[in-house]
Amino acid sequence: MSLFNARKFIQNPKLIIEVLSPGTSGRDRGEKFRYYLTIPSLQEYILIDSEKISVESYCRKEGRMWLYYPYNTGDIITLSSIEFEFPIEMLYDGVGLETET
């Protein structure tokens, strides 16, 4: 990929994925998401929970409408903007999550 194409890709993203932490969750869901809504090229915004198996997807639809879809254990995540599907467990393979006792 040429430098020009790399810049275009970064300036005109189709997909943004954020890994949430307790310290960044509020900002990622609020201030950042409001900014991302203004990016015309953006089609999907994905939030990955770092403390439990949970993924949230926001997908742009007609006009200013966004479709929200939560994914949990056993679900297949669909990233329609890049035509890719995978089981949610792939994201957490090798990740040590604390289990509730």
PDB file of N, CA and C in Angstrom:
ATOM      1  N   MET A   1       0.859  -1.180   0.000  1.00  0.00           N
ATOM      2  CA  MET A   1       0.000   0.000   0.000  1.00  0.00           C
ATOM      3  C   MET A   1       0.894   1.229   0.000  1.00  0.00           C
ATOM      4  N   SER A   2       0.629   2.131  -0.882  1.00  0.00           N
ATOM      5  CA  SER A   2       1.431   3.355  -0.945  1.00  0.00           C
ATOM      6  C   SER A   2       1.074   4.268   0.223  1.00  0.00           C
ATOM      7  N   LEU A   3       1.943   5.212   0.487  1.00  0.00           N
ATOM      8  CA  LEU A   3       1.706   6.171   1.561  1.00  0.00           C
ATOM      9  C   LEU A   3       0.413   6.936   1.322  1.00  0.00           C
ATOM     10  N   PHE A   4       0.152   7.313   0.054  1.00  0.00           N
ATOM     11  CA  PHE A   4      -1.089   8.024  -0.261  1.00  0.00           C
ATOM     12  C   PHE A   4      -2.308   7.175   0.106  1.00  0.00           C
ATOM     13  N   ASN A   5      -2.297   5.906  -0.278  1.00  0.00           N
ATOM     14  CA  ASN A   5      -3.423   5.025   0.034  1.00  0.00           C
ATOM     15  C   ASN A   5      -3.569   4.824   1.531  1.00  0.00           C
ATOM     16  N   ALA A   6      -2.451   4.731   2.244  1.00  0.00           N
ATOM     17  CA  ALA A   6      -2.503   4.565   3.698  1.00  0.00           C
ATOM     18  C   ALA A   6      -3.168   5.776   4.346  1.00  0.00           C
ATOM     19  N   ARG A   7      -2.809   6.967   3.897  1.00  0.00           N
ATOM     20  CA  ARG A   7      -3.423   8.181   4.451  1.00  0.00           C
ATOM     21  C   ARG A   7      -4.921   8.208   4.172  1.00  0.00           C
ATOM     22  N   LYS A   8      -5.297   7.856   2.952  1.00  0.00           N
ATOM     23  CA  LYS A   8      -6.711   7.846   2.583  1.00  0.00           C
ATOM     24  C   LYS A   8      -7.480   6.855   3.452  1.00  0.00           C
ATOM     25  N   PHE A   9      -6.886   5.699   3.689  1.00  0.00           N
ATOM     26  CA  PHE A   9      -7.518   4.664   4.502  1.00  0.00           C
ATOM     27  C   PHE A   9      -7.734   5.163   5.930  1.00  0.00           C
ATOM     28  N   ILE A  10      -6.713   5.810   6.485  1.00  0.00           N
ATOM     29  CA  ILE A  10      -6.812   6.303   7.856  1.00  0.00           C
ATOM     30  C   ILE A  10      -7.800   7.465   7.941  1.00  0.00           C
ATOM     31  N   GLN A  11      -7.847   8.308   6.933  1.00  0.00           N
ATOM     32  CA  GLN A  11      -8.745   9.459   6.946  1.00  0.00           C
ATOM     33  C   GLN A  11     -10.178   9.084   6.604  1.00  0.00           C
ATOM     34  N   ASN A  12     -10.381   7.978   5.916  1.00  0.00           N
ATOM     35  CA  ASN A  12     -11.711   7.564   5.476  1.00  0.00           C
ATOM     36  C   ASN A  12     -12.003   6.124   5.888  1.00  0.00           C
ATOM     37  N   PRO A  13     -12.004   5.846   7.189  1.00  0.00           N
ATOM     38  CA  PRO A  13     -12.184   4.455   7.627  1.00  0.00           C
ATOM     39  C   PRO A  13     -13.609   3.958   7.397  1.00  0.00           C
ATOM     40  N   LYS A  14     -13.740   2.676   7.076  1.00  0.00           N
ATOM     41  CA  LYS A  14     -15.037   2.011   7.005  1.00  0.00           C
ATOM     42  C   LYS A  14     -15.391   1.419   8.365  1.00  0.00           C
ATOM     43  N   LEU A  15     -14.363   1.012   9.099  1.00  0.00           N
ATOM     44  CA  LEU A  15     -14.522   0.260  10.332  1.00  0.00           C
ATOM     45  C   LEU A  15     -13.559   0.782  11.387  1.00  0.00           C
ATOM     46  N   ILE A  16     -14.086   1.023  12.592  1.00  0.00           N
ATOM     47  CA  ILE A  16     -13.243   1.382  13.732  1.00  0.00           C
ATOM     48  C   ILE A  16     -13.558   0.394  14.842  1.00  0.00           C
ATOM     49  N   ILE A  17     -12.491  -0.178  15.429  1.00  0.00           N
ATOM     50  CA  ILE A  17     -12.648  -1.140  16.513  1.00  0.00           C
ATOM     51  C   ILE A  17     -11.910  -0.604  17.728  1.00  0.00           C
ATOM     52  N   GLU A  18     -12.594  -0.586  18.866  1.00  0.00           N
ATOM     53  CA  GLU A  18     -12.003  -0.135  20.124  1.00  0.00           C
ATOM     54  C   GLU A  18     -12.057  -1.284  21.133  1.00  0.00           C
ATOM     55  N   VAL A  19     -10.964  -1.476  21.869  1.00  0.00           N
ATOM     56  CA  VAL A  19     -10.950  -2.422  22.978  1.00  0.00           C
ATOM     57  C   VAL A  19     -11.176  -1.605  24.238  1.00  0.00           C
ATOM     58  N   LEU A  20     -12.259  -1.917  24.938  1.00  0.00           N
ATOM     59  CA  LEU A  20     -12.643  -1.152  26.118  1.00  0.00           C
ATOM     60  C   LEU A  20     -11.847  -1.573  27.341  1.00  0.00           C
ATOM     61  N   SER A  21     -11.560  -0.616  28.176  1.00  0.00           N
ATOM     62  CA  SER A  21     -11.029  -0.887  29.503  1.00  0.00           C
ATOM     63  C   SER A  21     -11.891  -0.087  30.468  1.00  0.00           C
ATOM     64  N   PRO A  22     -11.869  -0.424  31.737  1.00  0.00           N
ATOM     65  CA  PRO A  22     -12.712   0.337  32.675  1.00  0.00           C
ATOM     66  C   PRO A  22     -12.451   1.842  32.616  1.00  0.00           C
ATOM     67  N   GLY A  23     -11.213   2.234  32.356  1.00  0.00           N
ATOM     68  CA  GLY A  23     -10.880   3.658  32.315  1.00  0.00           C
ATOM     69  C   GLY A  23     -11.281   4.372  31.031  1.00  0.00           C
ATOM     70  N   THR A  24     -11.470   3.639  29.932  1.00  0.00           N
ATOM     71  CA  THR A  24     -11.772   4.285  28.655  1.00  0.00           C
ATOM     72  C   THR A  24     -13.194   4.049  28.166  1.00  0.00           C
ATOM     73  N   SER A  25     -13.926   3.170  28.795  1.00  0.00           N
ATOM     74  CA  SER A  25     -15.252   2.776  28.330  1.00  0.00           C
ATOM     75  C   SER A  25     -16.193   3.962  28.127  1.00  0.00           C
ATOM     76  N   GLY A  26     -16.270   4.843  29.091  1.00  0.00           N
ATOM     77  CA  GLY A  26     -17.172   5.992  28.990  1.00  0.00           C
ATOM     78  C   GLY A  26     -16.809   6.903  27.833  1.00  0.00           C
ATOM     79  N   ARG A  27     -15.523   7.167  27.663  1.00  0.00           N
ATOM     80  CA  ARG A  27     -15.068   8.039  26.567  1.00  0.00           C
ATOM     81  C   ARG A  27     -15.319   7.381  25.214  1.00  0.00           C
ATOM     82  N   ASP A  28     -15.045   6.060  25.110  1.00  0.00           N
ATOM     83  CA  ASP A  28     -15.246   5.345  23.847  1.00  0.00           C
ATOM     84  C   ASP A  28     -16.719   5.323  23.446  1.00  0.00           C
ATOM     85  N   ARG A  29     -17.604   5.205  24.421  1.00  0.00           N
ATOM     86  CA  ARG A  29     -19.046   5.159  24.139  1.00  0.00           C
ATOM     87  C   ARG A  29     -19.657   6.544  23.947  1.00  0.00           C
ATOM     88  N   GLY A  30     -19.013   7.561  24.468  1.00  0.00           N
ATOM     89  CA  GLY A  30     -19.570   8.910  24.433  1.00  0.00           C
ATOM     90  C   GLY A  30     -18.872   9.820  23.447  1.00  0.00           C
ATOM     91  N   GLU A  31     -17.867  10.516  23.956  1.00  0.00           N
ATOM     92  CA  GLU A  31     -17.164  11.545  23.184  1.00  0.00           C
ATOM     93  C   GLU A  31     -16.606  11.010  21.858  1.00  0.00           C
ATOM     94  N   LYS A  32     -15.910   9.871  21.898  1.00  0.00           N
ATOM     95  CA  LYS A  32     -15.331   9.325  20.672  1.00  0.00           C
ATOM     96  C   LYS A  32     -16.414   8.911  19.685  1.00  0.00           C
ATOM     97  N   PHE A  33     -17.443   8.232  20.183  1.00  0.00           N
ATOM     98  CA  PHE A  33     -18.502   7.766  19.292  1.00  0.00           C
ATOM     99  C   PHE A  33     -19.204   8.944  18.633  1.00  0.00           C
ATOM    100  N   ARG A  34     -19.479  10.006  19.369  1.00  0.00           N
ATOM    101  CA  ARG A  34     -20.110  11.194  18.774  1.00  0.00           C
ATOM    102  C   ARG A  34     -19.236  11.766  17.657  1.00  0.00           C
ATOM    103  N   TYR A  35     -17.922  11.765  17.864  1.00  0.00           N
ATOM    104  CA  TYR A  35     -17.018  12.231  16.815  1.00  0.00           C
ATOM    105  C   TYR A  35     -17.068  11.283  15.609  1.00  0.00           C
ATOM    106  N   TYR A  36     -17.014   9.987  15.867  1.00  0.00           N
ATOM    107  CA  TYR A  36     -17.015   9.004  14.782  1.00  0.00           C
ATOM    108  C   TYR A  36     -18.286   9.099  13.929  1.00  0.00           C
ATOM    109  N   LEU A  37     -19.392   9.472  14.537  1.00  0.00           N
ATOM    110  CA  LEU A  37     -20.646   9.624  13.785  1.00  0.00           C
ATOM    111  C   LEU A  37     -20.528  10.662  12.667  1.00  0.00           C
ATOM    112  N   THR A  38     -19.575  11.573  12.805  1.00  0.00           N
ATOM    113  CA  THR A  38     -19.408  12.631  11.808  1.00  0.00           C
ATOM    114  C   THR A  38     -18.528  12.210  10.633  1.00  0.00           C
ATOM    115  N   ILE A  39     -17.940  11.013  10.680  1.00  0.00           N
ATOM    116  CA  ILE A  39     -17.072  10.532   9.600  1.00  0.00           C
ATOM    117  C   ILE A  39     -17.946   9.881   8.537  1.00  0.00           C
ATOM    118  N   PRO A  40     -18.089  10.501   7.363  1.00  0.00           N
ATOM    119  CA  PRO A  40     -19.009   9.984   6.342  1.00  0.00           C
ATOM    120  C   PRO A  40     -18.689   8.566   5.869  1.00  0.00           C
ATOM    121  N   SER A  41     -17.408   8.194   5.835  1.00  0.00           N
ATOM    122  CA  SER A  41     -17.026   6.876   5.329  1.00  0.00           C
ATOM    123  C   SER A  41     -17.274   5.746   6.332  1.00  0.00           C
ATOM    124  N   LEU A  42     -17.421   6.092   7.624  1.00  0.00           N
ATOM    125  CA  LEU A  42     -17.541   5.063   8.651  1.00  0.00           C
ATOM    126  C   LEU A  42     -18.846   4.289   8.523  1.00  0.00           C
ATOM    127  N   GLN A  43     -18.734   2.971   8.447  1.00  0.00           N
ATOM    128  CA  GLN A  43     -19.897   2.103   8.347  1.00  0.00           C
ATOM    129  C   GLN A  43     -20.147   1.301   9.619  1.00  0.00           C
ATOM    130  N   GLU A  44     -19.068   0.997  10.367  1.00  0.00           N
ATOM    131  CA  GLU A  44     -19.231   0.203  11.587  1.00  0.00           C
ATOM    132  C   GLU A  44     -18.291   0.682  12.683  1.00  0.00           C
ATOM    133  N   TYR A  45     -18.798   0.611  13.909  1.00  0.00           N
ATOM    134  CA  TYR A  45     -18.017   0.920  15.107  1.00  0.00           C
ATOM    135  C   TYR A  45     -18.186  -0.261  16.043  1.00  0.00           C
ATOM    136  N   ILE A  46     -17.070  -0.886  16.408  1.00  0.00           N
ATOM    137  CA  ILE A  46     -17.100  -2.100  17.219  1.00  0.00           C
ATOM    138  C   ILE A  46     -16.413  -1.838  18.550  1.00  0.00           C
ATOM    139  N   LEU A  47     -17.061  -2.234  19.640  1.00  0.00           N
ATOM    140  CA  LEU A  47     -16.497  -2.111  20.982  1.00  0.00           C
ATOM    141  C   LEU A  47     -16.288  -3.510  21.551  1.00  0.00           C
ATOM    142  N   ILE A  48     -15.055  -3.818  21.931  1.00  0.00           N
ATOM    143  CA  ILE A  48     -14.708  -5.130  22.483  1.00  0.00           C
ATOM    144  C   ILE A  48     -14.441  -4.965  23.966  1.00  0.00           C
ATOM    145  N   ASP A  49     -15.172  -5.701  24.784  1.00  0.00           N
ATOM    146  CA  ASP A  49     -14.988  -5.653  26.234  1.00  0.00           C
ATOM    147  C   ASP A  49     -13.721  -6.408  26.607  1.00  0.00           C
ATOM    148  N   SER A  50     -12.887  -5.845  27.456  1.00  0.00           N
ATOM    149  CA  SER A  50     -11.644  -6.492  27.855  1.00  0.00           C
ATOM    150  C   SER A  50     -11.785  -7.320  29.129  1.00  0.00           C
ATOM    151  N   GLU A  51     -12.961  -7.251  29.759  1.00  0.00           N
ATOM    152  CA  GLU A  51     -13.135  -7.955  31.029  1.00  0.00           C
ATOM    153  C   GLU A  51     -14.079  -9.146  30.963  1.00  0.00           C
ATOM    154  N   LYS A  52     -14.876  -9.222  29.900  1.00  0.00           N
ATOM    155  CA  LYS A  52     -15.777 -10.365  29.722  1.00  0.00           C
ATOM    156  C   LYS A  52     -16.030 -10.548  28.232  1.00  0.00           C
ATOM    157  N   ILE A  53     -16.535 -11.726  27.844  1.00  0.00           N
ATOM    158  CA  ILE A  53     -16.809 -11.982  26.432  1.00  0.00           C
ATOM    159  C   ILE A  53     -18.062 -11.209  26.035  1.00  0.00           C
ATOM    160  N   SER A  54     -17.826 -10.071  25.421  1.00  0.00           N
ATOM    161  CA  SER A  54     -18.914  -9.186  25.022  1.00  0.00           C
ATOM    162  C   SER A  54     -18.398  -8.203  23.975  1.00  0.00           C
ATOM    163  N   VAL A  55     -19.135  -8.098  22.868  1.00  0.00           N
ATOM    164  CA  VAL A  55     -18.798  -7.173  21.792  1.00  0.00           C
ATOM    165  C   VAL A  55     -20.065  -6.426  21.412  1.00  0.00           C
ATOM    166  N   GLU A  56     -19.938  -5.127  21.181  1.00  0.00           N
ATOM    167  CA  GLU A  56     -21.065  -4.322  20.738  1.00  0.00           C
ATOM    168  C   GLU A  56     -20.754  -3.780  19.355  1.00  0.00           C
ATOM    169  N   SER A  57     -21.735  -3.815  18.489  1.00  0.00           N
ATOM    170  CA  SER A  57     -21.578  -3.350  17.115  1.00  0.00           C
ATOM    171  C   SER A  57     -22.593  -2.251  16.824  1.00  0.00           C
ATOM    172  N   TYR A  58     -22.110  -1.183  16.209  1.00  0.00           N
ATOM    173  CA  TYR A  58     -22.963  -0.114  15.703  1.00  0.00           C
ATOM    174  C   TYR A  58     -22.735  -0.063  14.197  1.00  0.00           C
ATOM    175  N   CYS A  59     -23.789  -0.225  13.436  1.00  0.00           N
ATOM    176  CA  CYS A  59     -23.688  -0.287  11.978  1.00  0.00           C
ATOM    177  C   CYS A  59     -24.559   0.807  11.366  1.00  0.00           C
ATOM    178  N   ARG A  60     -23.951   1.626  10.497  1.00  0.00           N
ATOM    179  CA  ARG A  60     -24.668   2.734   9.865  1.00  0.00           C
ATOM    180  C   ARG A  60     -25.725   2.206   8.902  1.00  0.00           C
ATOM    181  N   LYS A  61     -26.898   2.756   9.010  1.00  0.00           N
ATOM    182  CA  LYS A  61     -28.000   2.415   8.098  1.00  0.00           C
ATOM    183  C   LYS A  61     -28.399   3.678   7.341  1.00  0.00           C
ATOM    184  N   GLU A  62     -29.628   3.777   6.935  1.00  0.00           N
ATOM    185  CA  GLU A  62     -30.114   4.933   6.168  1.00  0.00           C
ATOM    186  C   GLU A  62     -29.962   6.235   6.958  1.00  0.00           C
ATOM    187  N   GLY A  63     -29.460   7.260   6.292  1.00  0.00           N
ATOM    188  CA  GLY A  63     -29.377   8.585   6.906  1.00  0.00           C
ATOM    189  C   GLY A  63     -28.550   8.604   8.167  1.00  0.00           C
ATOM    190  N   ARG A  64     -29.153   9.059   9.250  1.00  0.00           N
ATOM    191  CA  ARG A  64     -28.456   9.180  10.525  1.00  0.00           C
ATOM    192  C   ARG A  64     -28.721   8.001  11.448  1.00  0.00           C
ATOM    193  N   MET A  65     -29.351   6.959  10.911  1.00  0.00           N
ATOM    194  CA  MET A  65     -29.717   5.802  11.726  1.00  0.00           C
ATOM    195  C   MET A  65     -28.547   4.834  11.898  1.00  0.00           C
ATOM    196  N   TRP A  66     -28.364   4.328  13.119  1.00  0.00           N
ATOM    197  CA  TRP A  66     -27.348   3.323  13.420  1.00  0.00           C
ATOM    198  C   TRP A  66     -28.036   2.125  14.063  1.00  0.00           C
ATOM    199  N   LEU A  67     -27.667   0.934  13.647  1.00  0.00           N
ATOM    200  CA  LEU A  67     -28.205  -0.302  14.207  1.00  0.00           C
ATOM    201  C   LEU A  67     -27.237  -0.810  15.270  1.00  0.00           C
ATOM    202  N   TYR A  68     -27.755  -1.075  16.463  1.00  0.00           N
ATOM    203  CA  TYR A  68     -26.951  -1.592  17.566  1.00  0.00           C
ATOM    204  C   TYR A  68     -27.182  -3.087  17.682  1.00  0.00           C
ATOM    205  N   TYR A  69     -26.081  -3.842  17.843  1.00  0.00           N
ATOM    206  CA  TYR A  69     -26.230  -5.277  18.051  1.00  0.00           C
ATOM    207  C   TYR A  69     -25.184  -5.759  19.049  1.00  0.00           C
ATOM    208  N   PRO A  70     -25.621  -6.374  20.167  1.00  0.00           N
ATOM    209  CA  PRO A  70     -24.677  -6.930  21.135  1.00  0.00           C
ATOM    210  C   PRO A  70     -24.367  -8.396  20.805  1.00  0.00           C
ATOM    211  N   TYR A  71     -23.104  -8.778  20.941  1.00  0.00           N
ATOM    212  CA  TYR A  71     -22.675 -10.160  20.741  1.00  0.00           C
ATOM    213  C   TYR A  71     -22.171 -10.717  22.066  1.00  0.00           C
ATOM    214  N   ASN A  72     -22.472 -12.001  22.326  1.00  0.00           N
ATOM    215  CA  ASN A  72     -22.039 -12.666  23.543  1.00  0.00           C
ATOM    216  C   ASN A  72     -21.500 -14.055  23.206  1.00  0.00           C
ATOM    217  N   THR A  73     -21.119 -14.802  24.224  1.00  0.00           N
ATOM    218  CA  THR A  73     -20.568 -16.144  24.056  1.00  0.00           C
ATOM    219  C   THR A  73     -21.413 -16.973  23.094  1.00  0.00           C
ATOM    220  N   GLY A  74     -20.750 -17.618  22.145  1.00  0.00           N
ATOM    221  CA  GLY A  74     -21.426 -18.477  21.185  1.00  0.00           C
ATOM    222  C   GLY A  74     -21.876 -17.782  19.913  1.00  0.00           C
ATOM    223  N   ASP A  75     -21.819 -16.459  19.874  1.00  0.00           N
ATOM    224  CA  ASP A  75     -22.280 -15.711  18.699  1.00  0.00           C
ATOM    225  C   ASP A  75     -21.206 -15.644  17.610  1.00  0.00           C
ATOM    226  N   ILE A  76     -21.665 -15.477  16.387  1.00  0.00           N
ATOM    227  CA  ILE A  76     -20.796 -15.221  15.242  1.00  0.00           C
ATOM    228  C   ILE A  76     -20.870 -13.722  14.959  1.00  0.00           C
ATOM    229  N   ILE A  77     -19.729 -13.055  15.014  1.00  0.00           N
ATOM    230  CA  ILE A  77     -19.671 -11.616  14.753  1.00  0.00           C
ATOM    231  C   ILE A  77     -19.604 -11.393  13.245  1.00  0.00           C
ATOM    232  N   THR A  78     -20.438 -10.492  12.761  1.00  0.00           N
ATOM    233  CA  THR A  78     -20.449 -10.132  11.352  1.00  0.00           C
ATOM    234  C   THR A  78     -19.980  -8.699  11.189  1.00  0.00           C
ATOM    235  N   LEU A  79     -18.897  -8.528  10.431  1.00  0.00           N
ATOM    236  CA  LEU A  79     -18.411  -7.195  10.082  1.00  0.00           C
ATOM    237  C   LEU A  79     -18.779  -6.974   8.621  1.00  0.00           C
ATOM    238  N   SER A  80     -19.960  -6.414   8.400  1.00  0.00           N
ATOM    239  CA  SER A  80     -20.470  -6.277   7.036  1.00  0.00           C
ATOM    240  C   SER A  80     -19.657  -5.296   6.207  1.00  0.00           C
ATOM    241  N   SER A  81     -19.019  -4.327   6.838  1.00  0.00           N
ATOM    242  CA  SER A  81     -18.244  -3.326   6.101  1.00  0.00           C
ATOM    243  C   SER A  81     -17.047  -3.937   5.379  1.00  0.00           C
ATOM    244  N   ILE A  82     -16.529  -5.046   5.905  1.00  0.00           N
ATOM    245  CA  ILE A  82     -15.393  -5.706   5.263  1.00  0.00           C
ATOM    246  C   ILE A  82     -15.730  -7.155   4.883  1.00  0.00           C
ATOM    247  N   GLU A  83     -17.015  -7.499   4.960  1.00  0.00           N
ATOM    248  CA  GLU A  83     -17.505  -8.823   4.589  1.00  0.00           C
ATOM    249  C   GLU A  83     -16.706  -9.931   5.270  1.00  0.00           C
ATOM    250  N   PHE A  84     -16.743  -9.917   6.616  1.00  0.00           N
ATOM    251  CA  PHE A  84     -15.979 -10.887   7.401  1.00  0.00           C
ATOM    252  C   PHE A  84     -16.821 -11.351   8.583  1.00  0.00           C
ATOM    253  N   GLU A  85     -16.811 -12.649   8.842  1.00  0.00           N
ATOM    254  CA  GLU A  85     -17.508 -13.235   9.988  1.00  0.00           C
ATOM    255  C   GLU A  85     -16.553 -14.133  10.746  1.00  0.00           C
ATOM    256  N   PHE A  86     -16.731 -14.190  12.075  1.00  0.00           N
ATOM    257  CA  PHE A  86     -15.899 -15.058  12.903  1.00  0.00           C
ATOM    258  C   PHE A  86     -16.587 -15.269  14.248  1.00  0.00           C
ATOM    259  N   PRO A  87     -16.286 -16.395  14.920  1.00  0.00           N
ATOM    260  CA  PRO A  87     -16.872 -16.616  16.242  1.00  0.00           C
ATOM    261  C   PRO A  87     -16.259 -15.666  17.272  1.00  0.00           C
ATOM    262  N   ILE A  88     -17.071 -15.160  18.153  1.00  0.00           N
ATOM    263  CA  ILE A  88     -16.615 -14.197  19.168  1.00  0.00           C
ATOM    264  C   ILE A  88     -15.452 -14.756  19.987  1.00  0.00           C
ATOM    265  N   GLU A  89     -15.441 -16.066  20.184  1.00  0.00           N
ATOM    266  CA  GLU A  89     -14.390 -16.684  20.996  1.00  0.00           C
ATOM    267  C   GLU A  89     -12.991 -16.467  20.406  1.00  0.00           C
ATOM    268  N   MET A  90     -12.895 -16.249  19.094  1.00  0.00           N
ATOM    269  CA  MET A  90     -11.589 -15.986  18.474  1.00  0.00           C
ATOM    270  C   MET A  90     -10.925 -14.748  19.067  1.00  0.00           C
ATOM    271  N   LEU A  91     -11.729 -13.750  19.412  1.00  0.00           N
ATOM    272  CA  LEU A  91     -11.179 -12.512  19.985  1.00  0.00           C
ATOM    273  C   LEU A  91     -10.550 -12.746  21.347  1.00  0.00           C
ATOM    274  N   TYR A  92     -11.055 -13.739  22.061  1.00  0.00           N
ATOM    275  CA  TYR A  92     -10.642 -13.957  23.440  1.00  0.00           C
ATOM    276  C   TYR A  92      -9.736 -15.173  23.602  1.00  0.00           C
ATOM    277  N   ASP A  93      -9.335 -15.792  22.500  1.00  0.00           N
ATOM    278  CA  ASP A  93      -8.457 -16.951  22.540  1.00  0.00           C
ATOM    279  C   ASP A  93      -7.120 -16.551  23.173  1.00  0.00           C
ATOM    280  N   GLY A  94      -6.757 -17.208  24.252  1.00  0.00           N
ATOM    281  CA  GLY A  94      -5.497 -16.902  24.931  1.00  0.00           C
ATOM    282  C   GLY A  94      -5.567 -15.728  25.893  1.00  0.00           C
ATOM    283  N   VAL A  95      -6.729 -15.132  26.041  1.00  0.00           N
ATOM    284  CA  VAL A  95      -6.903 -14.003  26.961  1.00  0.00           C
ATOM    285  C   VAL A  95      -7.409 -14.546  28.294  1.00  0.00           C
ATOM    286  N   GLY A  96      -6.705 -14.227  29.359  1.00  0.00           N
ATOM    287  CA  GLY A  96      -7.118 -14.670  30.686  1.00  0.00           C
ATOM    288  C   GLY A  96      -8.150 -13.727  31.260  1.00  0.00           C
ATOM    289  N   LEU A  97      -9.408 -14.177  31.274  1.00  0.00           N
ATOM    290  CA  LEU A  97     -10.477 -13.356  31.860  1.00  0.00           C
ATOM    291  C   LEU A  97     -10.749 -13.868  33.262  1.00  0.00           C
ATOM    292  N   GLU A  98     -10.964 -12.938  34.180  1.00  0.00           N
ATOM    293  CA  GLU A  98     -11.311 -13.336  35.534  1.00  0.00           C
ATOM    294  C   GLU A  98     -12.733 -13.853  35.534  1.00  0.00           C
ATOM    295  N   THR A  99     -12.947 -15.000  36.191  1.00  0.00           N
ATOM    296  CA  THR A  99     -14.287 -15.563  36.290  1.00  0.00           C
ATOM    297  C   THR A  99     -14.881 -15.218  37.628  1.00  0.00           C
ATOM    298  N   GLU A 100     -16.192 -15.012  37.625  1.00  0.00           N
ATOM    299  CA  GLU A 100     -16.887 -14.696  38.868  1.00  0.00           C
ATOM    300  C   GLU A 100     -16.990 -15.942  39.708  1.00  0.00           C
ATOM    301  N   THR A 101     -16.823 -15.809  41.026  1.00  0.00           N
ATOM    302  CA  THR A 101     -16.934 -16.957  41.916  1.00  0.00           C
ATOM    303  C   THR A 101     -18.190 -16.905  42.724  1.00  0.00           C
TER     304      THR A 101
END
